[in-house]
Amino acid sequence: MKKLNFLLLIIFIILTSCSNKNSIKNYKFNITFEVPSVFGSTSYKEGEIENITAVNDSLAFCDAYRKYCLAKKVYGEYADKYNSSFPSDVVNTPVSFKLINESGVDIANTVDFIDKSTVEIEIEKEIQKLPNSLK
């Protein structure tokens, strides 16, 4: 039943966005990483900026959230394999992401749509089902 609701939501988003066929929007996406130092302090650094194109903010958010969850999964796999003993300058912890719209506004925390939390959970489940990238 939940999968049906999720699929219906995705179809609804796609259909409502089709009314603006020529209005593909461009977004900038990047992940913020926590970088621990050898002295015990923590700093943050921005990852590489990626381009995302979508017809609306909701679909752009879903794409960005999927990429963020994938980065967290890969980090977790490295941490599990190397027992958190790898140098912090090799792999850093993904802690948040930014999704910048064409106006230069970060919408990652402000975009809202019907059943957003349900969609986030489904994306997380989808990413966790992916095979381990280190095997």
Protein backbone atom coordinates (compact mmCIF):
# COMPACT_ATOMS: atom_id res chain seq x y z
CA MET A 1 0.00 0.00 0.00
CA LYS A 2 2.83 2.39 0.89
CA LYS A 3 4.58 1.67 -2.40
CA LEU A 4 1.36 2.40 -4.26
CA ASN A 5 1.00 5.73 -2.45
CA PHE A 6 4.64 6.55 -3.20
CA LEU A 7 4.20 5.72 -6.89
CA LEU A 8 1.01 7.77 -7.06
CA LEU A 9 2.82 10.71 -5.48
CA ILE A 10 5.66 10.50 -8.00
CA ILE A 11 3.16 10.27 -10.88
CA PHE A 12 1.28 13.27 -9.49
CA ILE A 13 4.47 15.33 -9.26
CA ILE A 14 5.46 14.39 -12.80
CA LEU A 15 2.01 15.13 -14.23
CA THR A 16 1.70 18.48 -12.50
CA SER A 17 5.15 19.43 -13.68
CA CYS A 18 4.34 18.50 -17.29
CA SER A 19 2.16 21.59 -17.62
CA ASN A 20 5.40 23.60 -17.85
CA LYS A 21 7.10 21.51 -20.54
CA ASN A 22 9.59 24.18 -21.53
CA SER A 23 10.48 25.31 -18.05
CA ILE A 24 13.39 23.10 -17.10
CA LYS A 25 15.14 24.67 -14.13
CA ASN A 26 18.78 24.49 -13.19
CA TYR A 27 19.98 23.90 -9.66
CA LYS A 28 23.37 23.64 -7.97
CA PHE A 29 23.90 20.84 -5.49
CA ASN A 30 26.73 20.21 -3.06
CA ILE A 31 27.34 18.31 0.14
CA THR A 32 28.84 19.74 3.31
CA PHE A 33 31.34 17.42 5.00
CA GLU A 34 32.50 17.32 8.60
CA VAL A 35 36.28 17.23 8.77
CA PRO A 36 37.76 16.21 12.12
CA SER A 37 41.26 17.44 12.87
CA VAL A 38 44.02 15.60 14.69
CA PHE A 39 43.65 18.15 17.51
CA GLY A 40 40.04 17.16 18.22
CA SER A 41 38.32 20.14 16.65
CA THR A 42 35.91 19.91 13.76
CA SER A 43 35.65 21.99 10.61
CA TYR A 44 33.36 21.81 7.61
CA LYS A 45 34.08 21.88 3.92
CA GLU A 46 31.91 22.08 0.86
CA GLY A 47 32.08 19.30 -1.71
CA GLU A 48 32.15 19.78 -5.45
CA ILE A 49 29.20 21.57 -6.98
CA GLU A 50 27.03 19.43 -9.25
CA ASN A 51 24.33 20.58 -11.63
CA ILE A 52 20.80 19.24 -11.33
CA THR A 53 18.08 19.94 -13.86
CA ALA A 54 14.43 19.40 -13.02
CA VAL A 55 11.04 20.81 -13.87
CA ASN A 56 10.30 21.84 -10.28
CA ASP A 57 11.81 22.21 -6.83
CA SER A 58 10.27 18.97 -5.55
CA LEU A 59 11.89 16.78 -8.20
CA ALA A 60 15.20 18.61 -7.79
CA PHE A 61 15.02 17.98 -4.05
CA CYS A 62 14.38 14.26 -4.60
CA ASP A 63 17.42 14.02 -6.88
CA ALA A 64 19.60 15.96 -4.42
CA TYR A 65 18.38 13.93 -1.45
CA ARG A 66 19.11 10.69 -3.31
CA LYS A 67 22.69 11.85 -3.98
CA TYR A 68 23.13 12.90 -0.36
CA CYS A 69 21.87 9.54 0.93
CA LEU A 70 24.22 7.75 -1.45
CA ALA A 71 27.18 9.76 -0.09
CA LYS A 72 26.17 8.83 3.47
CA LYS A 73 25.91 5.15 2.50
CA VAL A 74 29.37 5.13 0.91
CA TYR A 75 30.84 6.88 3.95
CA GLY A 76 29.23 4.29 6.22
CA GLU A 77 30.67 1.45 4.13
CA TYR A 78 34.17 2.93 4.39
CA ALA A 79 33.76 3.44 8.14
CA ASP A 80 32.57 -0.17 8.58
CA LYS A 81 35.33 -1.65 6.46
CA TYR A 82 38.17 0.31 7.97
CA ASN A 83 36.72 0.56 11.51
CA SER A 84 36.88 4.36 11.38
CA SER A 85 40.67 4.15 11.27
CA PHE A 86 41.15 5.81 7.90
CA PRO A 87 42.63 9.33 7.83
CA SER A 88 40.06 12.10 8.01
CA ASP A 89 41.48 13.75 4.90
CA VAL A 90 40.59 10.66 2.84
CA VAL A 91 36.89 10.32 3.64
CA ASN A 92 34.87 12.93 5.52
CA THR A 93 31.41 12.62 7.03
CA PRO A 94 28.55 14.02 4.92
CA VAL A 95 26.40 16.12 7.28
CA SER A 96 24.10 18.18 5.05
CA PHE A 97 23.54 19.36 1.52
CA LYS A 98 22.61 22.52 -0.32
CA LEU A 99 20.25 22.82 -3.25
CA ILE A 100 20.60 26.26 -4.80
CA ASN A 101 17.88 27.42 -7.18
CA GLU A 102 18.30 29.78 -10.15
CA SER A 103 17.80 32.78 -7.85
CA GLY A 104 20.76 31.72 -5.71
CA VAL A 105 18.60 30.63 -2.76
CA ASP A 106 19.31 27.41 -0.87
CA ILE A 107 15.98 25.56 -0.91
CA ALA A 108 17.15 22.25 0.61
CA ASN A 109 15.46 22.96 3.95
CA THR A 110 12.52 24.99 2.69
CA VAL A 111 11.13 22.98 -0.23
CA ASP A 112 7.91 21.28 0.80
CA PHE A 113 5.50 18.96 -0.95
CA ILE A 114 2.85 16.40 -0.09
CA ASP A 115 4.25 13.39 1.81
CA LYS A 116 7.81 14.76 1.75
CA SER A 117 8.85 12.70 4.77
CA THR A 118 7.42 9.54 3.19
CA VAL A 119 9.36 10.22 -0.01
CA GLU A 120 12.55 10.77 2.00
CA ILE A 121 12.07 7.44 3.78
CA GLU A 122 11.48 5.63 0.48
CA ILE A 123 14.62 7.18 -1.02
CA GLU A 124 16.63 6.10 2.04
CA LYS A 125 15.29 2.54 1.72
CA GLU A 126 16.10 2.51 -2.00
CA ILE A 127 19.70 3.59 -1.34
CA GLN A 128 20.19 1.09 1.50
CA LYS A 129 19.15 -1.75 -0.84
CA LEU A 130 22.04 -0.96 -3.19
CA PRO A 131 24.95 -3.40 -2.99
CA ASN A 132 28.01 -2.49 -0.94
CA SER A 133 30.33 -0.39 -3.11
CA LEU A 134 33.48 -1.84 -1.52
CA LYS A 135 32.91 -5.51 -2.36
